[in-house]
Structure formats: C-alpha cells, structure tokens
Amino acid sequence: MTLRRRKTGLIVVVSGPSGVGKSTLCRAMLSDLEGLTLSVSCTTRKPRPGERDGVDYYFLDEAQFRDMIARDEFIEWAQVYDHLYGTPWKAVIQAHEAETDVLLDIDAQGARQIMARVKEAVFVFVTPPSLEALRTRLVARASDPPEEIERRLQHASEEIANFHTYHYLVRNEDLVQATKELEAIIIAERLKTSRLDKRWLVEQGLLVKTTVSCPSRSGL
C-alpha cells in the first residue's frame, strides 16, 4: 500500500551544466513515475530543431520576459550566456498544492535562487561522465561555435565544484542508470516520515489519535 504524503507534493530541482542531459533525464522520468509533472520554463532563445512551444519551453521575446520579471511571475530567472531563462511561479504552485510532484529542469543560477526561496525543495545535481565527454556532447549538438563550447565547459567546471550545495548527485554516463538513480531519489523523498500525513496512520488504526501531533508546514 502506498503511504499518503502530506497535502503538498515535492519540488525536485534537477540542475547541472549545459549539455549534461538534464532535459532528457527529466522527460524519461515522466514515463517511469506516476504523480510527476515537469515544469515548463520560459526562455528568450530560439527553438532548437524539434522543440515545441509550451512543451519544451515557452519561447518569448525579451520584452515579454521582462514584463514577467516586473510582475514577479518567476520563482527564479537568470541570464544564461546570451539568453534569459525563468521558471513561472504559477505552474509550480498549482502542482505543489495538487499533491503532484514537480520536476524543475534549470541551470545552476536558477537552482541557487530556489535554494534561497524554497527551503523544502529537493536539489539534484547532474554531472557528465567527464568534462571531455561533455565536450563531445556539446560538439555533437552542433548548436554552438567553438568559442561558445569552451565558455560552456569553463562554466561546467565551476558548477561541478559546487556539487556539495545539492542534496544528491547523479552521474549521467548511462541514461537508463541515471534515470533509475533519479527515480530512487524521488521515491525515497516521497517515503520520508517527515512528509507522511500522520492522520492517515490514525485512520488505518496504526496510531492512537491522542498521540498524534501534526505541526503545520510552511508553504512556498
């Protein structure tokens, strides 16, 4: 029997260097676990081949994006290289309050902002097998000139050095294995006793009502 969690779902932040495979890993999770959704971020960059508006990203012009900043509509936003990226509050709050676990696929700048604003979020850092393997992936993607690839590799090295600020680390050498590791993290977080609705234990006859203390939990 699946234990019922508290009335709010998990917020799982998946972060890592550009080209490490965060998006592929997150989308693989959606078919493996029930009760999981992926937050769709906004960006001012142009769509890559095969990307769809509202599915992979909300593709905005800079004026639209800055209007959202002015209205405080982002849980986090950052300029990454030459483009703006941000995660809207609305979708995250809706999923959180609906007992749905939500994945946020974001860069390291955005992850740091959420660390400061949402203490209860779970943070997972994804690394490549090696920096040389990351170079190979970025070259194969064929979307950036050589100087941009070198800049991304330098940023990747700096981001990896801060791995200890996250709760978990997943090394994405093999997608199947990395997916299993991320799935295990989410399942373990779901089963933490601190997330359990203690009233459910009373309803099941496992606890006596007078012994249960259900402290309130701060929201977002």
Protein backbone atom coordinates (compact mmCIF):
# COMPACT_ATOMS: atom_id res chain seq x y z
CA MET A 1 0.00 0.00 0.00
CA THR A 2 1.34 3.45 -0.93
CA LEU A 3 1.70 5.78 2.03
CA ARG A 4 -0.08 9.06 1.56
CA ARG A 5 2.19 12.04 1.74
CA ARG A 6 1.34 15.45 3.18
CA LYS A 7 -1.10 17.60 1.27
CA THR A 8 1.62 19.14 -0.87
CA GLY A 9 3.85 17.47 -3.44
CA LEU A 10 7.60 17.52 -3.84
CA ILE A 11 9.51 20.21 -5.68
CA VAL A 12 12.53 18.47 -7.23
CA VAL A 13 15.13 20.74 -8.81
CA VAL A 14 17.33 18.98 -11.37
CA SER A 15 20.35 21.08 -12.29
CA GLY A 16 23.73 20.68 -13.94
CA PRO A 17 25.95 22.01 -16.73
CA SER A 18 24.65 22.81 -20.19
CA GLY A 19 24.64 19.67 -22.34
CA VAL A 20 24.69 17.22 -19.43
CA GLY A 21 21.32 15.73 -20.40
CA LYS A 22 19.03 17.25 -17.75
CA SER A 23 16.04 17.61 -20.08
CA THR A 24 16.35 14.08 -21.46
CA LEU A 25 16.67 12.69 -17.94
CA CYS A 26 13.64 14.60 -16.66
CA ARG A 27 11.46 13.54 -19.58
CA ALA A 28 12.46 9.92 -19.08
CA MET A 29 11.18 10.20 -15.50
CA LEU A 30 7.68 11.20 -16.61
CA SER A 31 7.02 7.78 -18.13
CA ASP A 32 8.50 5.93 -15.14
CA LEU A 33 6.73 7.52 -12.17
CA GLU A 34 3.09 8.42 -11.62
CA GLY A 35 2.12 11.67 -9.95
CA LEU A 36 5.01 13.56 -11.54
CA THR A 37 4.95 16.59 -13.81
CA LEU A 38 7.62 18.70 -15.48
CA SER A 39 7.55 22.46 -15.07
CA VAL A 40 7.92 24.22 -18.42
CA SER A 41 10.36 27.14 -18.30
CA CYS A 42 10.35 30.35 -20.32
CA THR A 43 13.27 31.44 -22.49
CA THR A 44 14.21 34.15 -24.95
CA ARG A 45 16.39 31.85 -27.06
CA LYS A 46 15.19 30.49 -30.39
CA PRO A 47 13.76 26.94 -30.53
CA ARG A 48 16.17 24.18 -31.49
CA PRO A 49 15.09 21.65 -34.15
CA GLY A 50 12.22 19.54 -32.82
CA GLU A 51 11.43 21.78 -29.83
CA ARG A 52 7.80 22.82 -29.34
CA ASP A 53 6.44 25.95 -27.70
CA GLY A 54 4.63 25.14 -24.45
CA VAL A 55 6.14 21.65 -24.33
CA ASP A 56 9.91 22.11 -24.22
CA TYR A 57 9.84 25.82 -23.33
CA TYR A 58 7.63 28.86 -23.61
CA PHE A 59 9.56 30.84 -26.23
CA LEU A 60 9.23 34.57 -25.52
CA ASP A 61 10.79 37.74 -26.82
CA GLU A 62 12.83 39.80 -24.37
CA ALA A 63 10.06 42.38 -23.79
CA GLN A 64 7.58 39.65 -22.80
CA PHE A 65 10.12 38.06 -20.49
CA ARG A 66 10.98 41.33 -18.76
CA ASP A 67 7.29 42.10 -18.29
CA MET A 68 7.01 38.82 -16.36
CA ILE A 69 10.03 39.79 -14.25
CA ALA A 70 8.38 43.13 -13.42
CA ARG A 71 5.23 41.29 -12.30
CA ASP A 72 7.29 38.89 -10.13
CA GLU A 73 5.96 35.89 -12.05
CA PHE A 74 9.16 33.83 -11.83
CA ILE A 75 10.22 31.58 -8.97
CA GLU A 76 13.70 32.05 -10.48
CA TRP A 77 15.18 33.62 -13.56
CA ALA A 78 18.67 34.18 -14.88
CA GLN A 79 20.64 35.24 -17.91
CA VAL A 80 22.46 32.17 -19.17
CA TYR A 81 25.06 33.06 -21.79
CA ASP A 82 23.15 35.37 -24.16
CA HIS A 83 19.58 34.41 -23.28
CA LEU A 84 17.08 34.73 -20.43
CA TYR A 85 15.54 31.69 -18.73
CA GLY A 86 12.92 31.57 -15.99
CA THR A 87 10.52 29.25 -14.16
CA PRO A 88 6.98 30.61 -13.67
CA TRP A 89 5.59 30.51 -10.11
CA LYS A 90 2.05 29.64 -11.21
CA ALA A 91 2.64 26.15 -12.61
CA VAL A 92 4.88 25.15 -9.69
CA ILE A 93 2.36 26.29 -7.08
CA GLN A 94 -0.54 24.57 -8.86
CA ALA A 95 1.31 21.25 -8.99
CA HIS A 96 2.59 21.62 -5.43
CA GLU A 97 -0.88 22.23 -4.00
CA ALA A 98 -2.44 19.43 -6.06
CA GLU A 99 -0.21 16.79 -4.39
CA THR A 100 1.68 16.37 -7.68
CA ASP A 101 5.46 16.14 -7.55
CA VAL A 102 7.01 18.67 -9.91
CA LEU A 103 10.41 18.50 -11.63
CA LEU A 104 12.27 21.72 -12.41
CA ASP A 105 14.94 21.41 -15.11
CA ILE A 106 17.06 24.52 -14.55
CA ASP A 107 20.61 25.86 -14.62
CA ALA A 108 22.84 26.39 -11.59
CA GLN A 109 22.00 30.11 -11.27
CA GLY A 110 18.31 29.29 -11.02
CA ALA A 111 18.94 26.47 -8.57
CA ARG A 112 20.76 28.86 -6.23
CA GLN A 113 17.80 31.25 -6.28
CA ILE A 114 15.38 28.47 -5.39
CA MET A 115 17.68 27.27 -2.59
CA ALA A 116 17.26 30.71 -1.02
CA ARG A 117 13.50 30.93 -1.58
CA VAL A 118 12.10 27.39 -1.22
CA LYS A 119 13.80 25.59 1.65
CA GLU A 120 11.72 22.43 1.31
CA ALA A 121 12.73 21.75 -2.31
CA VAL A 122 14.92 18.74 -3.17
CA PHE A 123 18.06 19.53 -5.18
CA VAL A 124 19.74 17.06 -7.55
CA PHE A 125 22.95 17.89 -9.42
CA VAL A 126 23.63 16.01 -12.67
CA THR A 127 27.22 15.62 -13.88
CA PRO A 128 28.62 14.29 -17.16
CA PRO A 129 30.90 11.23 -17.08
CA SER A 130 33.82 13.67 -17.55
CA LEU A 131 34.46 17.14 -18.93
CA GLU A 132 35.86 15.56 -22.10
CA ALA A 133 32.63 13.58 -22.53
CA LEU A 134 30.70 16.83 -22.08
CA ARG A 135 32.84 18.47 -24.78
CA THR A 136 31.95 15.61 -27.14
CA ARG A 137 28.22 16.07 -26.42
CA LEU A 138 28.35 19.83 -26.99
CA VAL A 139 30.22 19.42 -30.28
CA ALA A 140 27.76 16.74 -31.43
CA ARG A 141 24.82 19.03 -30.64
CA ALA A 142 26.20 21.39 -33.33
CA SER A 143 24.33 24.41 -31.99
CA ASP A 144 27.27 26.49 -30.73
CA PRO A 145 30.55 27.79 -32.22
CA PRO A 146 33.85 26.51 -30.76
CA GLU A 147 34.41 29.56 -28.53
CA GLU A 148 30.93 29.15 -27.02
CA ILE A 149 31.63 25.48 -26.30
CA GLU A 150 34.82 26.45 -24.47
CA ARG A 151 32.89 29.00 -22.43
CA ARG A 152 30.28 26.39 -21.51
CA LEU A 153 32.99 23.94 -20.44
CA GLN A 154 34.55 26.57 -18.18
CA HIS A 155 31.17 27.23 -16.58
CA ALA A 156 30.63 23.48 -16.21
CA SER A 157 33.88 23.11 -14.29
CA GLU A 158 32.85 25.90 -11.91
CA GLU A 159 29.37 24.44 -11.40
CA ILE A 160 30.69 20.94 -10.67
CA ALA A 161 32.97 22.39 -7.99
CA ASN A 162 29.81 23.41 -6.08
CA PHE A 163 28.18 19.96 -6.16
CA HIS A 164 28.17 19.84 -2.34
CA THR A 165 25.44 22.51 -2.15
CA TYR A 166 22.92 19.96 -3.52
CA HIS A 167 21.22 17.08 -1.71
CA TYR A 168 22.05 14.45 -4.33
CA LEU A 169 24.43 13.85 -7.24
CA VAL A 170 23.65 11.77 -10.34
CA ARG A 171 26.40 10.97 -12.88
CA ASN A 172 24.80 10.77 -16.31
CA GLU A 173 27.04 8.30 -18.10
CA ASP A 174 24.23 5.90 -18.97
CA LEU A 175 20.69 7.30 -19.31
CA VAL A 176 19.00 4.14 -18.02
CA GLN A 177 21.15 4.04 -14.89
CA ALA A 178 20.86 7.79 -14.31
CA THR A 179 17.07 7.55 -14.63
CA LYS A 180 17.00 4.74 -12.06
CA GLU A 181 19.05 6.83 -9.65
CA LEU A 182 16.80 9.89 -10.02
CA GLU A 183 13.72 7.68 -9.62
CA ALA A 184 15.19 6.20 -6.42
CA ILE A 185 15.77 9.72 -5.06
CA ILE A 186 12.17 10.76 -5.67
CA ILE A 187 10.76 7.56 -4.18
CA ALA A 188 12.94 7.94 -1.09
CA GLU A 189 11.83 11.56 -0.65
CA ARG A 190 8.17 10.51 -1.00
CA LEU A 191 8.60 7.94 1.76
CA LYS A 192 10.30 10.19 4.31
CA THR A 193 8.42 10.12 7.60
CA SER A 194 8.53 13.91 7.74
CA ARG A 195 6.34 14.00 4.62
CA LEU A 196 3.79 11.50 5.91
CA ASP A 197 0.28 12.62 6.80
CA LYS A 198 0.11 11.27 10.35
CA ARG A 199 -3.68 11.40 10.32
CA TRP A 200 -3.58 8.64 7.72
CA LEU A 201 -1.86 6.42 10.30
CA VAL A 202 -4.69 7.15 12.72
CA GLU A 203 -7.30 6.26 10.08
CA GLN A 204 -5.54 2.95 9.50
CA GLY A 205 -5.51 2.14 13.20
CA LEU A 206 -1.73 2.37 13.43
CA LEU A 207 -1.63 5.32 15.85
CA VAL A 208 -3.87 6.41 18.69
CA LYS A 209 -5.34 9.82 17.90
CA THR A 210 -4.25 11.42 21.18
CA THR A 211 -0.59 10.63 20.43
CA VAL A 212 -0.54 12.40 17.07
CA SER A 213 0.92 15.86 16.69
CA CYS A 214 0.66 17.37 13.25
CA PRO A 215 2.73 20.55 13.17
CA SER A 216 1.83 23.00 10.46
CA ARG A 217 4.15 23.18 7.48
CA SER A 218 5.13 26.43 5.91
CA GLY A 219 4.09 26.93 2.32
CA LEU A 220 6.02 28.27 -0.60
